[in-house]
Amino acid sequence: MAEQGGKDEQAGQGTERRFGEYVVVRRHTPYVAELSLDRPGAMNAVSSAMARSIAAACEALAADRDVRVVVLTSTHERAFCVGADLKERNSLTDAELVRQRPVARAAYTGVLELPVPTVAAVHGFALGGGFELALACDLIVADGTAVVGLPEVSVGVIPGGGGTQLLPRRVGAARAAELIFSARRVEAAEARRLGLVDELVADGEDRASALALASRIAGNSPVGLRAAKRALRLGHGLDLPAGLEIEDAAWRSVAFSGDRAEGVAAFNEKRRPEWPGE
């Protein structure tokens, strides 16, 4: 794992690990990790350095078998993330832009490919690549200040962090086309109504609500959570018979696990399970 320097403490509750200047990972419980975007001077605009840090943080989280849920948050009071750093992009030559593309892409795929459930906590602006980072998560919790959208065509490009593929999976092809082609910004109430976000909470409560949701999820079997996410992601868009085969393979991966044995035993003994995680 190519960490970008900074603080590195042993994983565990209350620990903090910084990846470069702009990303920090905190462990709130032994099983819930918070990945915070921390570039307040630029409203979390994703520069090349920040993209590398997001990818490195995701690599570390994916490798940590104790992590059951990841919550993606922002330290900026008025923005989750405003997307790509267009000031940096404006300074790049065509050749430099070609070289920068895989760097940027790795940040979004890093979040998308996390093997555990992920929850985005969104407030303020989540635009362009910022909204794509949220779309890469399994669930999006937003407060009343949230403004989301994919405005890339208004500056001569298209969504490049998964937006053209992830948005239709949330809201359908026609609605995604309208939002992407119009480049319009969508405020919180409409975003909830359209399904752009999953839960709308009081102003300033997005992070706390997302962490509370993550804690509830983390109480479940880590083996089951990973298998369920794998089945959901791999089966989406397939025809029903193919999807059921994906589900069956995921079921078989957990059916003979220690977690399954512990879960059944705990149910019958009317106690909380103590998941072995294997």
Protein backbone atom coordinates (compact mmCIF):
# COMPACT_ATOMS: atom_id res chain seq x y z
CA MET A 1 0.00 0.00 0.00
CA ALA A 2 1.53 3.28 -1.13
CA GLU A 3 0.63 5.62 1.70
CA GLN A 4 1.20 9.32 1.05
CA GLY A 5 3.01 9.94 4.32
CA GLY A 6 1.73 11.26 7.65
CA LYS A 7 0.36 9.84 10.84
CA ASP A 8 0.01 6.08 11.15
CA GLU A 9 -1.35 4.51 14.32
CA GLN A 10 -2.31 0.93 14.96
CA ALA A 11 -5.90 0.27 13.82
CA GLY A 12 -8.48 0.37 16.58
CA GLN A 13 -11.18 2.46 18.15
CA GLY A 14 -10.28 6.15 18.34
CA THR A 15 -7.21 5.91 16.12
CA GLU A 16 -6.46 8.20 13.22
CA ARG A 17 -4.36 7.71 10.10
CA ARG A 18 -3.63 10.47 7.62
CA PHE A 19 -3.01 9.84 3.94
CA GLY A 20 -1.16 12.78 2.52
CA GLU A 21 -2.42 16.27 3.28
CA TYR A 22 -6.05 15.87 2.29
CA VAL A 23 -7.46 12.54 3.54
CA VAL A 24 -7.80 11.17 7.04
CA VAL A 25 -9.19 7.82 8.21
CA ARG A 26 -10.61 7.52 11.72
CA ARG A 27 -11.78 4.39 13.52
CA HIS A 28 -14.91 5.13 15.55
CA THR A 29 -15.49 1.59 16.73
CA PRO A 30 -13.40 -1.49 16.07
CA TYR A 31 -15.55 -2.07 12.98
CA VAL A 32 -16.59 1.37 11.63
CA ALA A 33 -14.06 3.49 9.74
CA GLU A 34 -14.57 7.07 8.59
CA LEU A 35 -12.77 8.29 5.48
CA SER A 36 -12.80 12.10 5.61
CA LEU A 37 -12.10 14.41 2.70
CA ASP A 38 -10.02 17.18 4.26
CA ARG A 39 -9.09 19.86 1.76
CA PRO A 40 -11.06 22.78 3.19
CA GLY A 41 -9.14 25.46 1.31
CA ALA A 42 -10.54 24.16 -1.98
CA MET A 43 -13.94 22.81 -0.84
CA ASN A 44 -12.46 19.32 -1.27
CA ALA A 45 -11.82 19.74 -4.99
CA VAL A 46 -10.06 16.54 -6.04
CA SER A 47 -6.52 17.29 -7.15
CA SER A 48 -4.08 14.63 -8.31
CA ALA A 49 -2.53 14.50 -4.85
CA MET A 50 -5.91 14.13 -3.21
CA ALA A 51 -6.93 11.42 -5.69
CA ARG A 52 -3.82 9.43 -4.83
CA SER A 53 -4.61 9.77 -1.13
CA ILE A 54 -8.22 8.60 -1.57
CA ALA A 55 -7.02 5.57 -3.52
CA ALA A 56 -4.36 4.77 -0.91
CA ALA A 57 -6.84 5.10 1.94
CA CYS A 58 -9.30 2.80 0.17
CA GLU A 59 -6.56 0.25 -0.46
CA ALA A 60 -5.72 0.21 3.24
CA LEU A 61 -9.38 -0.06 4.27
CA ALA A 62 -10.04 -2.88 1.79
CA ALA A 63 -7.15 -4.85 3.26
CA ASP A 64 -8.29 -4.38 6.87
CA ARG A 65 -10.41 -7.41 7.75
CA ASP A 66 -11.68 -5.77 10.94
CA VAL A 67 -13.48 -3.02 9.01
CA ARG A 68 -17.15 -3.85 8.41
CA VAL A 69 -18.47 -0.47 7.24
CA VAL A 70 -16.85 2.68 5.79
CA VAL A 71 -18.42 6.14 6.09
CA LEU A 72 -17.30 8.80 3.59
CA THR A 73 -17.46 12.32 5.05
CA SER A 74 -16.22 15.87 4.57
CA THR A 75 -14.55 18.25 7.03
CA HIS A 76 -15.72 21.32 5.07
CA GLU A 77 -18.74 23.09 6.55
CA ARG A 78 -20.31 24.05 3.20
CA ALA A 79 -19.30 21.26 0.86
CA PHE A 80 -18.97 17.51 0.63
CA CYS A 81 -16.82 17.81 -2.51
CA VAL A 82 -17.11 20.16 -5.50
CA GLY A 83 -15.53 17.71 -7.93
CA ALA A 84 -12.31 17.82 -9.90
CA ASP A 85 -9.76 20.53 -9.25
CA LEU A 86 -10.37 22.57 -12.40
CA LYS A 87 -7.56 24.99 -11.59
CA GLU A 88 -5.13 22.09 -11.70
CA ARG A 89 -6.79 20.68 -14.83
CA ASN A 90 -6.45 24.05 -16.57
CA SER A 91 -2.67 23.92 -16.07
CA LEU A 92 -2.22 20.46 -17.59
CA THR A 93 -1.04 19.80 -21.12
CA ASP A 94 -2.87 17.18 -23.15
CA ALA A 95 -0.11 14.69 -22.40
CA GLU A 96 -0.26 15.46 -18.69
CA LEU A 97 -4.04 15.06 -18.72
CA VAL A 98 -3.68 11.60 -20.28
CA ARG A 99 -1.23 10.63 -17.52
CA GLN A 100 -3.48 12.10 -14.84
CA ARG A 101 -6.56 10.17 -15.93
CA PRO A 102 -5.72 6.82 -14.26
CA VAL A 103 -4.76 8.71 -11.09
CA ALA A 104 -8.18 10.35 -10.92
CA ARG A 105 -10.00 7.19 -11.88
CA ALA A 106 -8.31 5.18 -9.13
CA ALA A 107 -9.88 7.43 -6.49
CA TYR A 108 -13.41 6.68 -7.65
CA THR A 109 -12.85 2.98 -8.26
CA GLY A 110 -11.17 2.76 -4.86
CA VAL A 111 -14.42 3.81 -3.17
CA LEU A 112 -16.59 1.78 -5.56
CA GLU A 113 -14.62 -1.42 -5.03
CA LEU A 114 -14.48 -1.36 -1.24
CA PRO A 115 -15.62 -4.87 -0.27
CA VAL A 116 -17.71 -3.70 2.71
CA PRO A 117 -20.86 -1.55 2.87
CA THR A 118 -20.19 2.15 2.39
CA VAL A 119 -22.26 5.16 3.45
CA ALA A 120 -21.73 8.73 2.18
CA ALA A 121 -22.59 11.62 4.51
CA VAL A 122 -23.41 14.60 2.27
CA HIS A 123 -23.98 18.23 3.11
CA GLY A 124 -23.54 21.34 1.01
CA PHE A 125 -22.21 20.98 -2.50
CA ALA A 126 -21.66 17.49 -3.92
CA LEU A 127 -21.08 18.25 -7.56
CA GLY A 128 -19.39 16.48 -10.45
CA GLY A 129 -16.74 14.16 -9.10
CA GLY A 130 -17.92 14.95 -5.60
CA PHE A 131 -21.33 13.49 -6.32
CA GLU A 132 -19.67 10.58 -8.10
CA LEU A 133 -17.77 9.73 -4.91
CA ALA A 134 -21.12 9.61 -3.11
CA LEU A 135 -22.69 7.56 -5.92
CA ALA A 136 -19.85 5.05 -5.55
CA CYS A 137 -21.12 4.34 -2.03
CA ASP A 138 -23.93 1.90 -1.29
CA LEU A 139 -26.04 4.42 0.64
CA ILE A 140 -26.19 8.22 0.73
CA VAL A 141 -27.35 10.17 3.79
CA ALA A 142 -27.82 13.89 3.13
CA ASP A 143 -28.87 16.88 5.20
CA GLY A 144 -31.08 19.75 4.10
CA THR A 145 -28.19 21.84 2.80
CA ALA A 146 -27.15 19.25 0.21
CA VAL A 147 -26.96 20.29 -3.44
CA VAL A 148 -26.03 17.52 -5.85
CA GLY A 149 -25.48 17.22 -9.56
CA LEU A 150 -23.30 16.21 -12.50
CA PRO A 151 -22.58 19.48 -14.34
CA GLU A 152 -19.66 18.25 -16.46
CA VAL A 153 -21.20 18.93 -19.88
CA SER A 154 -21.41 22.61 -18.92
CA VAL A 155 -17.60 22.76 -18.96
CA GLY A 156 -17.10 20.61 -22.04
CA VAL A 157 -16.50 17.18 -20.55
CA ILE A 158 -18.63 14.30 -19.25
CA PRO A 159 -18.82 12.59 -15.86
CA GLY A 160 -15.64 10.53 -15.59
CA GLY A 161 -15.86 9.04 -12.11
CA GLY A 162 -18.63 6.59 -12.88
CA GLY A 163 -21.54 9.02 -13.08
CA THR A 164 -22.90 7.92 -16.46
CA GLN A 165 -23.09 4.35 -15.16
CA LEU A 166 -23.96 4.79 -11.48
CA LEU A 167 -26.66 7.44 -11.80
CA PRO A 168 -28.90 5.40 -14.17
CA ARG A 169 -28.63 2.48 -11.76
CA ARG A 170 -30.11 4.72 -9.09
CA VAL A 171 -32.78 6.68 -10.93
CA GLY A 172 -33.25 5.05 -14.34
CA ALA A 173 -31.89 5.92 -17.77
CA ALA A 174 -34.28 8.75 -18.67
CA ARG A 175 -33.95 10.61 -15.38
CA ALA A 176 -30.15 10.23 -15.45
CA ALA A 177 -30.08 11.56 -19.02
CA GLU A 178 -32.11 14.62 -18.01
CA LEU A 179 -29.83 15.36 -15.07
CA ILE A 180 -26.58 14.84 -16.98
CA PHE A 181 -27.67 16.63 -20.18
CA SER A 182 -29.12 19.62 -18.33
CA ALA A 183 -26.16 19.84 -15.92
CA ARG A 184 -28.58 21.16 -13.32
CA ARG A 185 -28.07 21.23 -9.59
CA VAL A 186 -30.61 19.45 -7.43
CA GLU A 187 -31.39 20.59 -3.89
CA ALA A 188 -31.90 18.21 -1.00
CA ALA A 189 -35.69 17.76 -0.99
CA GLU A 190 -35.85 17.02 -4.72
CA ALA A 191 -32.76 14.83 -4.49
CA ARG A 192 -34.53 12.66 -1.92
CA ARG A 193 -37.70 12.56 -4.00
CA LEU A 194 -35.80 11.48 -7.11
CA GLY A 195 -33.76 8.86 -5.25
CA LEU A 196 -30.46 10.67 -5.68
CA VAL A 197 -29.98 10.30 -1.93
CA ASP A 198 -31.42 7.61 0.33
CA GLU A 199 -32.05 9.41 3.60
CA LEU A 200 -32.66 13.10 4.31
CA VAL A 201 -31.85 14.31 7.82
CA ALA A 202 -31.82 17.62 9.68
CA ASP A 203 -29.19 20.19 8.78
CA GLY A 204 -25.83 19.30 10.24
CA GLU A 205 -26.86 15.74 11.11
CA ASP A 206 -25.59 13.93 8.01
CA ARG A 207 -22.34 12.71 9.55
CA ALA A 208 -23.85 11.62 12.87
CA SER A 209 -26.73 9.88 11.12
CA ALA A 210 -24.41 8.10 8.68
CA LEU A 211 -22.16 6.93 11.51
CA ALA A 212 -25.19 5.70 13.47
CA LEU A 213 -26.39 3.77 10.41
CA ALA A 214 -22.90 2.34 9.96
CA SER A 215 -22.86 1.17 13.57
CA ARG A 216 -26.16 -0.66 13.09
CA ILE A 217 -24.86 -2.33 9.94
CA ALA A 218 -21.58 -3.25 11.64
CA GLY A 219 -23.42 -5.31 14.24
CA ASN A 220 -24.11 -7.91 11.58
CA SER A 221 -21.91 -10.72 10.30
CA PRO A 222 -18.79 -9.38 8.53
CA VAL A 223 -18.76 -12.46 6.30
CA GLY A 224 -22.43 -11.95 5.50
CA LEU A 225 -22.01 -8.23 4.81
CA ARG A 226 -19.19 -8.77 2.32
CA ALA A 227 -21.03 -11.58 0.56
CA ALA A 228 -24.28 -9.61 0.40
CA LYS A 229 -22.49 -6.61 -1.09
CA ARG A 230 -20.76 -8.83 -3.64
CA ALA A 231 -24.07 -10.38 -4.68
CA LEU A 232 -25.79 -7.00 -4.94
CA ARG A 233 -23.02 -5.45 -7.02
CA LEU A 234 -22.29 -8.38 -9.33
CA GLY A 235 -25.93 -9.29 -9.87
CA HIS A 236 -27.17 -5.81 -10.74
CA GLY A 237 -28.27 -5.53 -14.35
CA LEU A 238 -28.09 -9.25 -15.08
CA ASP A 239 -31.15 -11.23 -16.11
CA LEU A 240 -32.86 -13.05 -13.24
CA PRO A 241 -31.36 -16.54 -13.82
CA ALA A 242 -27.83 -15.11 -13.99
CA GLY A 243 -28.47 -12.97 -10.94
CA LEU A 244 -29.70 -15.96 -8.97
CA GLU A 245 -26.49 -17.81 -9.85
CA ILE A 246 -24.48 -14.88 -8.44
CA GLU A 247 -26.60 -15.02 -5.29
CA ASP A 248 -26.13 -18.79 -4.98
CA ALA A 249 -22.35 -18.45 -5.23
CA ALA A 250 -22.40 -15.77 -2.53
CA TRP A 251 -24.65 -17.95 -0.35
CA ARG A 252 -22.26 -20.87 -0.68
CA SER A 253 -19.38 -18.65 0.41
CA VAL A 254 -21.09 -18.01 3.76
CA ALA A 255 -23.15 -21.17 4.33
CA PHE A 256 -20.28 -23.11 5.88
CA SER A 257 -18.54 -20.18 7.58
CA GLY A 258 -17.87 -19.66 11.25
CA ASP A 259 -20.15 -16.64 11.16
CA ARG A 260 -23.08 -18.76 9.95
CA ALA A 261 -22.50 -21.29 12.73
CA GLU A 262 -22.23 -18.55 15.35
CA GLY A 263 -25.28 -16.71 14.05
CA VAL A 264 -27.50 -19.79 14.23
CA ALA A 265 -26.14 -20.72 17.67
CA ALA A 266 -26.67 -17.21 19.04
CA PHE A 267 -30.23 -17.12 17.70
CA ASN A 268 -31.11 -20.40 19.38
CA GLU A 269 -29.37 -19.43 22.62
CA LYS A 270 -31.07 -15.98 22.62
CA ARG A 271 -27.82 -14.02 22.88
CA ARG A 272 -25.81 -11.57 20.83
CA PRO A 273 -23.54 -13.24 18.30
CA GLU A 274 -19.79 -12.91 18.66
CA TRP A 275 -18.76 -13.03 15.02
CA PRO A 276 -15.50 -14.83 14.27
CA GLY A 277 -15.40 -13.05 10.92
CA GLU A 278 -14.52 -16.14 8.96
